[in-house]
């Protein structure tokens, strides 16, 4: 068997603990996937008058987890990961189709749960494994001037059992995000007016953690419920030191007890009107750690501006993501 033959397919579930088959979409942009069945087992301690390790073992609970990476994401497929983290975003518009995602504040969200099929056809049999109740617990998005947008994260799930691949074709009509489509803009904490940070940003990385956990009850051997704790997130910008970006260092370091407070908008955009495709991330945060002074990027002086997510009343949140794509329905 060759790793290159592996395929990852998915279907949306109607509810938690209700797996959906067959798969309805091929997650063709995934570059790496690691599936981990998880057992909670015990070796029973018994007074049997022997030095043997044990005479009996038991399996108390089983579930699953996974990690994934996408090396070059598209405006269309990024929505699958966002919905599995944030929950369903009903599209608006008639093309492009607009989806708005926001971190939860006063109300818990209901993530879109997936049944995943991973593996390949080998000879006359399927070497495929099914993972139910899969949702994205943590997500990292990143980009740089000379790359596309990378997406990676951790998935938590229910049990893993033998599965089967559906006959699904590669999807066309998707648009890859690239660094030449990107812009970074920054606003004061109490403002809704963003100023583009021109000729300064090299790369960015956004990490989001829902602190999601699955649980079961007496009578359950696999997870039957879920909950999120407080979400948290962090945004890291790699900036060239210049007359514009040194303002943030001055604000952090020149005043006692000063914490830099900023809103940042990262946008990837191409096309106009019906051909417009975009992803806009708006993040509000405080500088909770001082940057290293300085770093070297091929002879250019740089530093990392790191912001931790903090609720902003002007934004009405600390994190919002909007996508515009050609996809009306996420199969």
C-alpha atoms as a PDB file:
ATOM      1  CA  UNK A   1       0.000   0.000   0.000  1.00  0.00           C
ATOM      2  CA  UNK A   2       1.176   3.514  -0.799  1.00  0.00           C
ATOM      3  CA  UNK A   3       0.381   6.581   1.290  1.00  0.00           C
ATOM      4  CA  UNK A   4      -0.218   8.552  -1.895  1.00  0.00           C
ATOM      5  CA  UNK A   5      -3.328   6.451  -2.548  1.00  0.00           C
ATOM      6  CA  UNK A   6      -5.021   7.487   0.702  1.00  0.00           C
ATOM      7  CA  UNK A   7      -8.203   9.566   0.476  1.00  0.00           C
ATOM      8  CA  UNK A   8     -10.148  11.547   3.077  1.00  0.00           C
ATOM      9  CA  UNK A   9     -13.909  11.807   2.587  1.00  0.00           C
ATOM     10  CA  UNK A  10     -16.614  13.336   4.743  1.00  0.00           C
ATOM     11  CA  UNK A  11     -20.354  13.623   5.295  1.00  0.00           C
ATOM     12  CA  UNK A  12     -22.181  16.038   7.595  1.00  0.00           C
ATOM     13  CA  UNK A  13     -24.076  14.390  10.419  1.00  0.00           C
ATOM     14  CA  UNK A  14     -27.549  15.559  11.436  1.00  0.00           C
ATOM     15  CA  UNK A  15     -26.653  15.306  15.119  1.00  0.00           C
ATOM     16  CA  UNK A  16     -24.022  14.099  17.551  1.00  0.00           C
ATOM     17  CA  UNK A  17     -23.735  10.302  17.860  1.00  0.00           C
ATOM     18  CA  UNK A  18     -25.531   9.797  14.531  1.00  0.00           C
ATOM     19  CA  UNK A  19     -22.930   8.781  11.925  1.00  0.00           C
ATOM     20  CA  UNK A  20     -23.721   9.528   8.285  1.00  0.00           C
ATOM     21  CA  UNK A  21     -22.797   7.252   5.387  1.00  0.00           C
ATOM     22  CA  UNK A  22     -21.889   7.207   2.584  1.00  0.00           C
ATOM     23  CA  UNK A  23     -19.496  10.141   2.313  1.00  0.00           C
ATOM     24  CA  UNK A  24     -20.631  13.074   0.209  1.00  0.00           C
ATOM     25  CA  UNK A  25     -17.456  15.083  -0.367  1.00  0.00           C
ATOM     26  CA  UNK A  26     -13.787  14.413  -1.040  1.00  0.00           C
ATOM     27  CA  UNK A  27     -11.542  16.644   1.079  1.00  0.00           C
ATOM     28  CA  UNK A  28      -8.995  16.732  -1.717  1.00  0.00           C
ATOM     29  CA  UNK A  29      -6.796  19.571  -0.449  1.00  0.00           C
ATOM     30  CA  UNK A  30      -5.646  17.716   2.682  1.00  0.00           C
ATOM     31  CA  UNK A  31      -1.907  17.059   2.508  1.00  0.00           C
ATOM     32  CA  UNK A  32      -1.514  15.131   5.775  1.00  0.00           C
ATOM     33  CA  UNK A  33      -3.905  13.187   8.024  1.00  0.00           C
ATOM     34  CA  UNK A  34      -3.162  11.143  11.136  1.00  0.00           C
ATOM     35  CA  UNK A  35      -5.943   9.034  12.630  1.00  0.00           C
ATOM     36  CA  UNK A  36      -5.660   7.775  16.208  1.00  0.00           C
ATOM     37  CA  UNK A  37      -8.151   5.368  17.787  1.00  0.00           C
ATOM     38  CA  UNK A  38      -8.010   5.838  21.564  1.00  0.00           C
ATOM     39  CA  UNK A  39      -8.675   3.189  24.212  1.00  0.00           C
ATOM     40  CA  UNK A  40      -9.117   3.639  27.959  1.00  0.00           C
ATOM     41  CA  UNK A  41      -8.016   0.304  29.367  1.00  0.00           C
ATOM     42  CA  UNK A  42      -7.053  -1.139  32.738  1.00  0.00           C
ATOM     43  CA  UNK A  43      -5.061  -4.112  33.951  1.00  0.00           C
ATOM     44  CA  UNK A  44      -7.070  -5.435  36.898  1.00  0.00           C
ATOM     45  CA  UNK A  45      -5.294  -5.643  40.238  1.00  0.00           C
ATOM     46  CA  UNK A  46      -6.210  -8.931  41.929  1.00  0.00           C
ATOM     47  CA  UNK A  47      -4.770 -10.954  44.822  1.00  0.00           C
ATOM     48  CA  UNK A  48      -4.149 -14.242  43.018  1.00  0.00           C
ATOM     49  CA  UNK A  49      -0.896 -15.290  44.703  1.00  0.00           C
ATOM     50  CA  UNK A  50       1.159 -14.787  41.557  1.00  0.00           C
ATOM     51  CA  UNK A  51       3.807 -12.471  40.141  1.00  0.00           C
ATOM     52  CA  UNK A  52       2.155 -12.411  36.730  1.00  0.00           C
ATOM     53  CA  UNK A  53       1.422  -8.855  35.473  1.00  0.00           C
ATOM     54  CA  UNK A  54      -2.330  -9.482  35.557  1.00  0.00           C
ATOM     55  CA  UNK A  55      -4.899 -12.141  34.788  1.00  0.00           C
ATOM     56  CA  UNK A  56      -7.576  -9.868  33.341  1.00  0.00           C
ATOM     57  CA  UNK A  57      -7.874  -6.580  31.456  1.00  0.00           C
ATOM     58  CA  UNK A  58     -10.843  -4.400  30.578  1.00  0.00           C
ATOM     59  CA  UNK A  59     -11.734  -1.804  27.972  1.00  0.00           C
ATOM     60  CA  UNK A  60     -13.695   1.009  29.643  1.00  0.00           C
ATOM     61  CA  UNK A  61     -14.055   3.519  26.830  1.00  0.00           C
ATOM     62  CA  UNK A  62     -12.991   4.112  23.255  1.00  0.00           C
ATOM     63  CA  UNK A  63     -12.993   7.174  21.051  1.00  0.00           C
ATOM     64  CA  UNK A  64     -10.816   8.749  18.382  1.00  0.00           C
ATOM     65  CA  UNK A  65      -8.762  11.768  17.453  1.00  0.00           C
ATOM     66  CA  UNK A  66      -6.865  13.010  14.443  1.00  0.00           C
ATOM     67  CA  UNK A  67      -4.652  15.788  13.160  1.00  0.00           C
ATOM     68  CA  UNK A  68      -4.715  17.240   9.668  1.00  0.00           C
ATOM     69  CA  UNK A  69      -2.783  19.675   7.502  1.00  0.00           C
ATOM     70  CA  UNK A  70      -3.679  21.489   4.313  1.00  0.00           C
ATOM     71  CA  UNK A  71      -0.665  23.029   2.593  1.00  0.00           C
ATOM     72  CA  UNK A  72      -2.612  25.179   0.109  1.00  0.00           C
ATOM     73  CA  UNK A  73      -6.221  25.903   0.976  1.00  0.00           C
ATOM     74  CA  UNK A  74      -8.954  27.316  -1.237  1.00  0.00           C
ATOM     75  CA  UNK A  75     -11.642  29.915  -0.576  1.00  0.00           C
ATOM     76  CA  UNK A  76     -14.213  27.136  -0.897  1.00  0.00           C
ATOM     77  CA  UNK A  77     -12.760  24.287   1.160  1.00  0.00           C
ATOM     78  CA  UNK A  78     -11.664  26.346   4.157  1.00  0.00           C
ATOM     79  CA  UNK A  79     -15.347  26.483   5.057  1.00  0.00           C
ATOM     80  CA  UNK A  80     -15.423  22.769   5.885  1.00  0.00           C
ATOM     81  CA  UNK A  81     -12.917  23.270   8.702  1.00  0.00           C
ATOM     82  CA  UNK A  82     -14.529  26.503   9.887  1.00  0.00           C
ATOM     83  CA  UNK A  83     -17.971  24.877  10.127  1.00  0.00           C
ATOM     84  CA  UNK A  84     -16.563  21.910  12.036  1.00  0.00           C
ATOM     85  CA  UNK A  85     -15.182  24.407  14.565  1.00  0.00           C
ATOM     86  CA  UNK A  86     -17.659  27.331  14.611  1.00  0.00           C
ATOM     87  CA  UNK A  87     -20.852  25.604  13.496  1.00  0.00           C
ATOM     88  CA  UNK A  88     -23.052  26.156  10.465  1.00  0.00           C
ATOM     89  CA  UNK A  89     -22.886  29.525   8.725  1.00  0.00           C
ATOM     90  CA  UNK A  90     -25.892  29.953   6.446  1.00  0.00           C
ATOM     91  CA  UNK A  91     -24.691  31.434   3.146  1.00  0.00           C
ATOM     92  CA  UNK A  92     -26.065  34.731   1.900  1.00  0.00           C
ATOM     93  CA  UNK A  93     -25.856  36.246  -1.568  1.00  0.00           C
ATOM     94  CA  UNK A  94     -26.345  34.714  -4.979  1.00  0.00           C
ATOM     95  CA  UNK A  95     -22.698  34.334  -5.920  1.00  0.00           C
ATOM     96  CA  UNK A  96     -20.304  34.754  -4.427  1.00  0.00           C
ATOM     97  CA  UNK A  97     -21.785  33.054  -1.379  1.00  0.00           C
ATOM     98  CA  UNK A  98     -20.945  34.793   1.901  1.00  0.00           C
ATOM     99  CA  UNK A  99     -20.453  32.957   5.188  1.00  0.00           C
ATOM    100  CA  UNK A 100     -19.847  34.662   8.529  1.00  0.00           C
ATOM    101  CA  UNK A 101     -18.223  32.877  11.454  1.00  0.00           C
ATOM    102  CA  UNK A 102     -17.743  34.276  14.976  1.00  0.00           C
ATOM    103  CA  UNK A 103     -16.265  32.983  18.197  1.00  0.00           C
ATOM    104  CA  UNK A 104     -18.948  32.284  20.827  1.00  0.00           C
ATOM    105  CA  UNK A 105     -19.540  34.848  23.556  1.00  0.00           C
ATOM    106  CA  UNK A 106     -22.821  34.512  25.475  1.00  0.00           C
ATOM    107  CA  UNK A 107     -24.138  31.373  23.777  1.00  0.00           C
ATOM    108  CA  UNK A 108     -22.490  28.040  23.089  1.00  0.00           C
ATOM    109  CA  UNK A 109     -22.176  26.995  19.474  1.00  0.00           C
ATOM    110  CA  UNK A 110     -23.170  23.713  17.828  1.00  0.00           C
ATOM    111  CA  UNK A 111     -20.321  22.529  15.607  1.00  0.00           C
ATOM    112  CA  UNK A 112     -20.987  20.679  12.392  1.00  0.00           C
ATOM    113  CA  UNK A 113     -20.120  17.068  13.118  1.00  0.00           C
ATOM    114  CA  UNK A 114     -18.599  14.949  10.380  1.00  0.00           C
ATOM    115  CA  UNK A 115     -18.338  11.253   9.675  1.00  0.00           C
ATOM    116  CA  UNK A 116     -14.923  10.807   8.092  1.00  0.00           C
ATOM    117  CA  UNK A 117     -13.751   7.970   5.863  1.00  0.00           C
ATOM    118  CA  UNK A 118      -9.971   7.620   5.554  1.00  0.00           C
ATOM    119  CA  UNK A 119      -7.921   5.115   3.615  1.00  0.00           C
ATOM    120  CA  UNK A 120      -7.749   3.531   0.181  1.00  0.00           C
ATOM    121  CA  UNK A 121      -8.976   0.703  -1.965  1.00  0.00           C
ATOM    122  CA  UNK A 122      -6.430  -2.137  -1.869  1.00  0.00           C
ATOM    123  CA  UNK A 123      -7.020  -5.064  -4.149  1.00  0.00           C
ATOM    124  CA  UNK A 124     -10.582  -6.268  -3.730  1.00  0.00           C
ATOM    125  CA  UNK A 125     -11.053  -4.752  -0.280  1.00  0.00           C
ATOM    126  CA  UNK A 126     -11.237  -1.303   1.266  1.00  0.00           C
ATOM    127  CA  UNK A 127      -8.504  -0.451   3.756  1.00  0.00           C
ATOM    128  CA  UNK A 128     -10.709   2.335   5.084  1.00  0.00           C
ATOM    129  CA  UNK A 129     -11.516   3.515   8.595  1.00  0.00           C
ATOM    130  CA  UNK A 130     -14.571   5.466   9.654  1.00  0.00           C
ATOM    131  CA  UNK A 131     -14.498   8.117  12.380  1.00  0.00           C
ATOM    132  CA  UNK A 132     -17.836   9.464  13.598  1.00  0.00           C
ATOM    133  CA  UNK A 133     -18.716  12.647  15.504  1.00  0.00           C
ATOM    134  CA  UNK A 134     -15.588  14.395  14.208  1.00  0.00           C
ATOM    135  CA  UNK A 135     -15.272  18.104  14.948  1.00  0.00           C
ATOM    136  CA  UNK A 136     -12.357  20.514  14.883  1.00  0.00           C
ATOM    137  CA  UNK A 137     -11.270  21.298  18.445  1.00  0.00           C
ATOM    138  CA  UNK A 138      -8.335  23.552  17.577  1.00  0.00           C
ATOM    139  CA  UNK A 139      -7.445  25.246  14.309  1.00  0.00           C
ATOM    140  CA  UNK A 140      -4.384  27.044  12.989  1.00  0.00           C
ATOM    141  CA  UNK A 141      -4.425  29.175   9.856  1.00  0.00           C
ATOM    142  CA  UNK A 142      -1.284  30.797   8.498  1.00  0.00           C
ATOM    143  CA  UNK A 143       0.121  32.487   5.444  1.00  0.00           C
ATOM    144  CA  UNK A 144       3.210  34.197   4.126  1.00  0.00           C
ATOM    145  CA  UNK A 145       4.243  36.429   1.258  1.00  0.00           C
ATOM    146  CA  UNK A 146       5.530  33.523  -0.840  1.00  0.00           C
ATOM    147  CA  UNK A 147       3.016  30.776   0.051  1.00  0.00           C
ATOM    148  CA  UNK A 148      -0.660  29.981   0.049  1.00  0.00           C
ATOM    149  CA  UNK A 149      -2.793  29.648   3.159  1.00  0.00           C
ATOM    150  CA  UNK A 150      -1.986  26.671   5.370  1.00  0.00           C
ATOM    151  CA  UNK A 151      -4.664  25.143   7.586  1.00  0.00           C
ATOM    152  CA  UNK A 152      -4.084  22.575  10.284  1.00  0.00           C
ATOM    153  CA  UNK A 153      -5.756  21.398  13.419  1.00  0.00           C
ATOM    154  CA  UNK A 154      -6.794  18.728  15.852  1.00  0.00           C
ATOM    155  CA  UNK A 155      -9.969  16.696  15.521  1.00  0.00           C
ATOM    156  CA  UNK A 156     -11.787  14.937  18.332  1.00  0.00           C
ATOM    157  CA  UNK A 157     -14.267  12.209  17.554  1.00  0.00           C
ATOM    158  CA  UNK A 158     -16.188   9.163  18.650  1.00  0.00           C
ATOM    159  CA  UNK A 159     -15.380   5.570  17.838  1.00  0.00           C
ATOM    160  CA  UNK A 160     -13.319   4.372  14.891  1.00  0.00           C
ATOM    161  CA  UNK A 161     -14.620   1.388  12.938  1.00  0.00           C
ATOM    162  CA  UNK A 162     -14.039  -0.143   9.477  1.00  0.00           C
ATOM    163  CA  UNK A 163     -15.505   2.092   6.785  1.00  0.00           C
ATOM    164  CA  UNK A 164     -15.871   2.431   3.035  1.00  0.00           C
ATOM    165  CA  UNK A 165     -15.023   5.009   0.418  1.00  0.00           C
ATOM    166  CA  UNK A 166     -17.731   6.476  -1.770  1.00  0.00           C
ATOM    167  CA  UNK A 167     -17.200   7.015  -5.483  1.00  0.00           C
ATOM    168  CA  UNK A 168     -16.537  10.751  -5.533  1.00  0.00           C
ATOM    169  CA  UNK A 169     -14.842  12.867  -8.172  1.00  0.00           C
ATOM    170  CA  UNK A 170     -12.352  15.647  -7.591  1.00  0.00           C
ATOM    171  CA  UNK A 171     -14.120  18.990  -7.347  1.00  0.00           C
ATOM    172  CA  UNK A 172     -13.389  21.795  -9.791  1.00  0.00           C
ATOM    173  CA  UNK A 173     -14.272  25.470  -9.689  1.00  0.00           C
ATOM    174  CA  UNK A 174     -12.250  26.177  -6.546  1.00  0.00           C
ATOM    175  CA  UNK A 175      -9.756  29.027  -6.126  1.00  0.00           C
ATOM    176  CA  UNK A 176      -6.501  28.736  -4.199  1.00  0.00           C
ATOM    177  CA  UNK A 177      -5.468  31.526  -1.856  1.00  0.00           C
ATOM    178  CA  UNK A 178      -1.977  32.967  -2.356  1.00  0.00           C
ATOM    179  CA  UNK A 179       0.197  35.546  -0.646  1.00  0.00           C
ATOM    180  CA  UNK A 180      -0.105  38.005  -3.514  1.00  0.00           C
ATOM    181  CA  UNK A 181      -3.832  38.313  -2.723  1.00  0.00           C
ATOM    182  CA  UNK A 182      -3.242  39.233   0.923  1.00  0.00           C
ATOM    183  CA  UNK A 183      -3.332  42.457   2.921  1.00  0.00           C
ATOM    184  CA  UNK A 184      -2.976  43.332   6.609  1.00  0.00           C
ATOM    185  CA  UNK A 185      -4.720  46.302   8.211  1.00  0.00           C
ATOM    186  CA  UNK A 186      -4.707  47.542  11.807  1.00  0.00           C
ATOM    187  CA  UNK A 187      -7.181  49.649  13.803  1.00  0.00           C
ATOM    188  CA  UNK A 188      -7.081  51.277  17.203  1.00  0.00           C
ATOM    189  CA  UNK A 189      -8.935  49.460  19.952  1.00  0.00           C
ATOM    190  CA  UNK A 190     -12.013  51.702  19.931  1.00  0.00           C
ATOM    191  CA  UNK A 191     -12.122  52.303  16.166  1.00  0.00           C
ATOM    192  CA  UNK A 192     -13.800  50.576  13.239  1.00  0.00           C
ATOM    193  CA  UNK A 193     -11.474  52.236  10.710  1.00  0.00           C
ATOM    194  CA  UNK A 194      -8.593  50.023   9.583  1.00  0.00           C
ATOM    195  CA  UNK A 195      -5.370  51.332   8.056  1.00  0.00           C
ATOM    196  CA  UNK A 196      -3.487  49.063   5.667  1.00  0.00           C
ATOM    197  CA  UNK A 197      -0.045  48.081   6.887  1.00  0.00           C
ATOM    198  CA  UNK A 198       1.827  48.457   3.605  1.00  0.00           C
ATOM    199  CA  UNK A 199       5.266  46.972   2.820  1.00  0.00           C
ATOM    200  CA  UNK A 200       5.687  45.616   6.340  1.00  0.00           C
ATOM    201  CA  UNK A 201       4.114  42.199   6.986  1.00  0.00           C
ATOM    202  CA  UNK A 202       5.854  38.999   5.915  1.00  0.00           C
ATOM    203  CA  UNK A 203       3.653  36.335   7.477  1.00  0.00           C
ATOM    204  CA  UNK A 204       0.892  35.639   9.973  1.00  0.00           C
ATOM    205  CA  UNK A 205      -0.419  32.773  12.068  1.00  0.00           C
ATOM    206  CA  UNK A 206      -3.764  32.521  13.849  1.00  0.00           C
ATOM    207  CA  UNK A 207      -4.376  29.777  16.407  1.00  0.00           C
ATOM    208  CA  UNK A 208      -7.858  29.095  17.793  1.00  0.00           C
ATOM    209  CA  UNK A 209      -8.683  26.674  20.603  1.00  0.00           C
ATOM    210  CA  UNK A 210     -12.284  25.841  21.501  1.00  0.00           C
ATOM    211  CA  UNK A 211     -11.180  23.725  24.490  1.00  0.00           C
ATOM    212  CA  UNK A 212     -13.836  21.273  23.331  1.00  0.00           C
ATOM    213  CA  UNK A 213     -14.310  18.027  25.198  1.00  0.00           C
ATOM    214  CA  UNK A 214     -16.449  14.938  24.636  1.00  0.00           C
ATOM    215  CA  UNK A 215     -17.999  12.975  27.461  1.00  0.00           C
ATOM    216  CA  UNK A 216     -20.098   9.904  28.200  1.00  0.00           C
ATOM    217  CA  UNK A 217     -22.344   8.794  31.046  1.00  0.00           C
ATOM    218  CA  UNK A 218     -23.019   5.609  32.939  1.00  0.00           C
ATOM    219  CA  UNK A 219     -23.984   3.050  30.355  1.00  0.00           C
ATOM    220  CA  UNK A 220     -21.859   4.640  27.612  1.00  0.00           C
ATOM    221  CA  UNK A 221     -18.709   3.102  26.165  1.00  0.00           C
ATOM    222  CA  UNK A 222     -18.222   5.909  23.615  1.00  0.00           C
ATOM    223  CA  UNK A 223     -18.801   9.688  23.789  1.00  0.00           C
ATOM    224  CA  UNK A 224     -22.449  10.754  23.705  1.00  0.00           C
ATOM    225  CA  UNK A 225     -22.197  14.482  24.507  1.00  0.00           C
ATOM    226  CA  UNK A 226     -19.836  17.434  24.127  1.00  0.00           C
ATOM    227  CA  UNK A 227     -19.145  20.894  25.502  1.00  0.00           C
ATOM    228  CA  UNK A 228     -16.825  23.830  24.931  1.00  0.00           C
ATOM    229  CA  UNK A 229     -15.038  25.702  27.660  1.00  0.00           C
ATOM    230  CA  UNK A 230     -13.759  29.257  27.198  1.00  0.00           C
ATOM    231  CA  UNK A 231     -12.244  29.708  23.757  1.00  0.00           C
ATOM    232  CA  UNK A 232      -8.861  31.350  23.341  1.00  0.00           C
ATOM    233  CA  UNK A 233      -6.758  32.444  20.419  1.00  0.00           C
ATOM    234  CA  UNK A 234      -3.548  34.125  19.426  1.00  0.00           C
ATOM    235  CA  UNK A 235      -2.417  36.047  16.363  1.00  0.00           C
ATOM    236  CA  UNK A 236       1.250  36.354  15.396  1.00  0.00           C
ATOM    237  CA  UNK A 237       2.465  38.829  12.767  1.00  0.00           C
ATOM    238  CA  UNK A 238       6.005  38.821  11.405  1.00  0.00           C
ATOM    239  CA  UNK A 239       6.819  42.474  10.658  1.00  0.00           C
ATOM    240  CA  UNK A 240       9.751  44.326   9.180  1.00  0.00           C
ATOM    241  CA  UNK A 241      11.052  47.011  11.534  1.00  0.00           C
ATOM    242  CA  UNK A 242      10.337  50.375   9.915  1.00  0.00           C
ATOM    243  CA  UNK A 243       8.828  53.774  10.676  1.00  0.00           C
ATOM    244  CA  UNK A 244       5.329  52.311  10.708  1.00  0.00           C
ATOM    245  CA  UNK A 245       5.839  49.133  12.722  1.00  0.00           C
ATOM    246  CA  UNK A 246       8.115  50.622  15.370  1.00  0.00           C
ATOM    247  CA  UNK A 247       5.053  52.474  16.687  1.00  0.00           C
ATOM    248  CA  UNK A 248       3.824  49.225  18.230  1.00  0.00           C
ATOM    249  CA  UNK A 249       7.135  48.641  19.979  1.00  0.00           C
ATOM    250  CA  UNK A 250       7.149  52.202  21.309  1.00  0.00           C
ATOM    251  CA  UNK A 251       3.598  51.792  22.598  1.00  0.00           C
ATOM    252  CA  UNK A 252       4.554  48.557  24.388  1.00  0.00           C
ATOM    253  CA  UNK A 253       7.941  49.496  25.794  1.00  0.00           C
ATOM    254  CA  UNK A 254       8.055  53.235  26.392  1.00  0.00           C
ATOM    255  CA  UNK A 255       5.284  53.474  28.999  1.00  0.00           C
ATOM    256  CA  UNK A 256       5.148  51.686  32.329  1.00  0.00           C
ATOM    257  CA  UNK A 257       2.332  49.131  32.619  1.00  0.00           C
ATOM    258  CA  UNK A 258       1.332  49.596  28.981  1.00  0.00           C
ATOM    259  CA  UNK A 259      -0.332  46.801  27.067  1.00  0.00           C
ATOM    260  CA  UNK A 260      -0.765  47.278  23.345  1.00  0.00           C
ATOM    261  CA  UNK A 261      -4.404  46.900  22.276  1.00  0.00           C
ATOM    262  CA  UNK A 262      -5.177  46.536  18.580  1.00  0.00           C
ATOM    263  CA  UNK A 263      -7.591  45.115  16.042  1.00  0.00           C
ATOM    264  CA  UNK A 264      -6.100  43.380  13.021  1.00  0.00           C
ATOM    265  CA  UNK A 265      -7.738  42.471   9.729  1.00  0.00           C
ATOM    266  CA  UNK A 266      -6.102  39.947   7.414  1.00  0.00           C
ATOM    267  CA  UNK A 267      -7.780  39.658   4.034  1.00  0.00           C
ATOM    268  CA  UNK A 268      -7.230  37.486   0.970  1.00  0.00           C
ATOM    269  CA  UNK A 269      -9.175  38.725  -2.026  1.00  0.00           C
ATOM    270  CA  UNK A 270      -9.351  38.199  -5.759  1.00  0.00           C
ATOM    271  CA  UNK A 271     -11.907  38.952  -8.464  1.00  0.00           C
ATOM    272  CA  UNK A 272     -14.789  41.403  -8.503  1.00  0.00           C
ATOM    273  CA  UNK A 273     -18.563  41.231  -8.419  1.00  0.00           C
ATOM    274  CA  UNK A 274     -19.732  37.653  -9.051  1.00  0.00           C
ATOM    275  CA  UNK A 275     -16.153  36.392  -9.406  1.00  0.00           C
ATOM    276  CA  UNK A 276     -15.032  37.826  -6.059  1.00  0.00           C
ATOM    277  CA  UNK A 277     -13.441  35.330  -3.702  1.00  0.00           C
ATOM    278  CA  UNK A 278     -12.211  36.366  -0.273  1.00  0.00           C
ATOM    279  CA  UNK A 279     -11.422  35.428   3.282  1.00  0.00           C
ATOM    280  CA  UNK A 280     -11.295  38.178   5.925  1.00  0.00           C
ATOM    281  CA  UNK A 281     -10.118  37.512   9.482  1.00  0.00           C
ATOM    282  CA  UNK A 282     -10.770  40.228  12.070  1.00  0.00           C
ATOM    283  CA  UNK A 283      -8.985  39.709  15.384  1.00  0.00           C
ATOM    284  CA  UNK A 284      -8.935  41.842  18.525  1.00  0.00           C
ATOM    285  CA  UNK A 285      -6.166  41.318  21.033  1.00  0.00           C
ATOM    286  CA  UNK A 286      -3.706  42.595  23.617  1.00  0.00           C
ATOM    287  CA  UNK A 287       0.065  42.146  23.613  1.00  0.00           C
ATOM    288  CA  UNK A 288       0.530  39.845  26.592  1.00  0.00           C
ATOM    289  CA  UNK A 289       4.202  39.175  25.859  1.00  0.00           C
ATOM    290  CA  UNK A 290       7.082  41.386  24.819  1.00  0.00           C
ATOM    291  CA  UNK A 291       8.709  40.607  21.460  1.00  0.00           C
ATOM    292  CA  UNK A 292      12.284  39.494  20.961  1.00  0.00           C
ATOM    293  CA  UNK A 293      14.389  42.380  19.677  1.00  0.00           C
ATOM    294  CA  UNK A 294      15.165  41.494  16.923  1.00  0.00           C
ATOM    295  CA  UNK A 295      14.998  38.701  14.358  1.00  0.00           C
ATOM    296  CA  UNK A 296      16.789  38.411  11.042  1.00  0.00           C
ATOM    297  CA  UNK A 297      15.004  37.595   7.788  1.00  0.00           C
ATOM    298  CA  UNK A 298      17.615  37.298   5.073  1.00  0.00           C
ATOM    299  CA  UNK A 299      19.371  40.418   6.317  1.00  0.00           C
ATOM    300  CA  UNK A 300      16.167  42.348   7.105  1.00  0.00           C
ATOM    301  CA  UNK A 301      15.413  43.301  10.712  1.00  0.00           C
ATOM    302  CA  UNK A 302      12.058  41.905  11.859  1.00  0.00           C
ATOM    303  CA  UNK A 303      10.089  41.162  14.998  1.00  0.00           C
ATOM    304  CA  UNK A 304       6.952  39.203  15.884  1.00  0.00           C
ATOM    305  CA  UNK A 305       3.927  41.126  17.106  1.00  0.00           C
ATOM    306  CA  UNK A 306       1.899  38.678  19.192  1.00  0.00           C
ATOM    307  CA  UNK A 307      -1.665  39.432  20.309  1.00  0.00           C
ATOM    308  CA  UNK A 308      -3.850  37.286  22.549  1.00  0.00           C
ATOM    309  CA  UNK A 309      -7.588  37.388  21.925  1.00  0.00           C
ATOM    310  CA  UNK A 310      -9.572  39.852  24.081  1.00  0.00           C
ATOM    311  CA  UNK A 311     -13.227  40.808  23.694  1.00  0.00           C
ATOM    312  CA  UNK A 312     -13.669  44.142  21.921  1.00  0.00           C
ATOM    313  CA  UNK A 313     -16.963  46.020  22.240  1.00  0.00           C
ATOM    314  CA  UNK A 314     -16.502  47.827  18.916  1.00  0.00           C
ATOM    315  CA  UNK A 315     -16.071  44.543  17.077  1.00  0.00           C
ATOM    316  CA  UNK A 316     -18.636  42.844  19.291  1.00  0.00           C
ATOM    317  CA  UNK A 317     -16.297  39.871  19.647  1.00  0.00           C
ATOM    318  CA  UNK A 318     -12.609  39.010  19.580  1.00  0.00           C
ATOM    319  CA  UNK A 319     -12.664  36.941  16.388  1.00  0.00           C
ATOM    320  CA  UNK A 320     -14.741  37.030  13.224  1.00  0.00           C
ATOM    321  CA  UNK A 321     -14.087  35.342   9.880  1.00  0.00           C
ATOM    322  CA  UNK A 322     -15.942  36.028   6.645  1.00  0.00           C
ATOM    323  CA  UNK A 323     -15.562  33.995   3.466  1.00  0.00           C
ATOM    324  CA  UNK A 324     -16.860  34.605  -0.047  1.00  0.00           C
ATOM    325  CA  UNK A 325     -16.716  31.650  -2.399  1.00  0.00           C
ATOM    326  CA  UNK A 326     -18.302  29.919  -5.350  1.00  0.00           C
ATOM    327  CA  UNK A 327     -19.821  27.200  -3.125  1.00  0.00           C
ATOM    328  CA  UNK A 328     -23.474  27.563  -2.209  1.00  0.00           C
ATOM    329  CA  UNK A 329     -23.865  24.183  -0.499  1.00  0.00           C
ATOM    330  CA  UNK A 330     -21.157  22.401   1.450  1.00  0.00           C
ATOM    331  CA  UNK A 331     -21.940  18.780   0.530  1.00  0.00           C
END
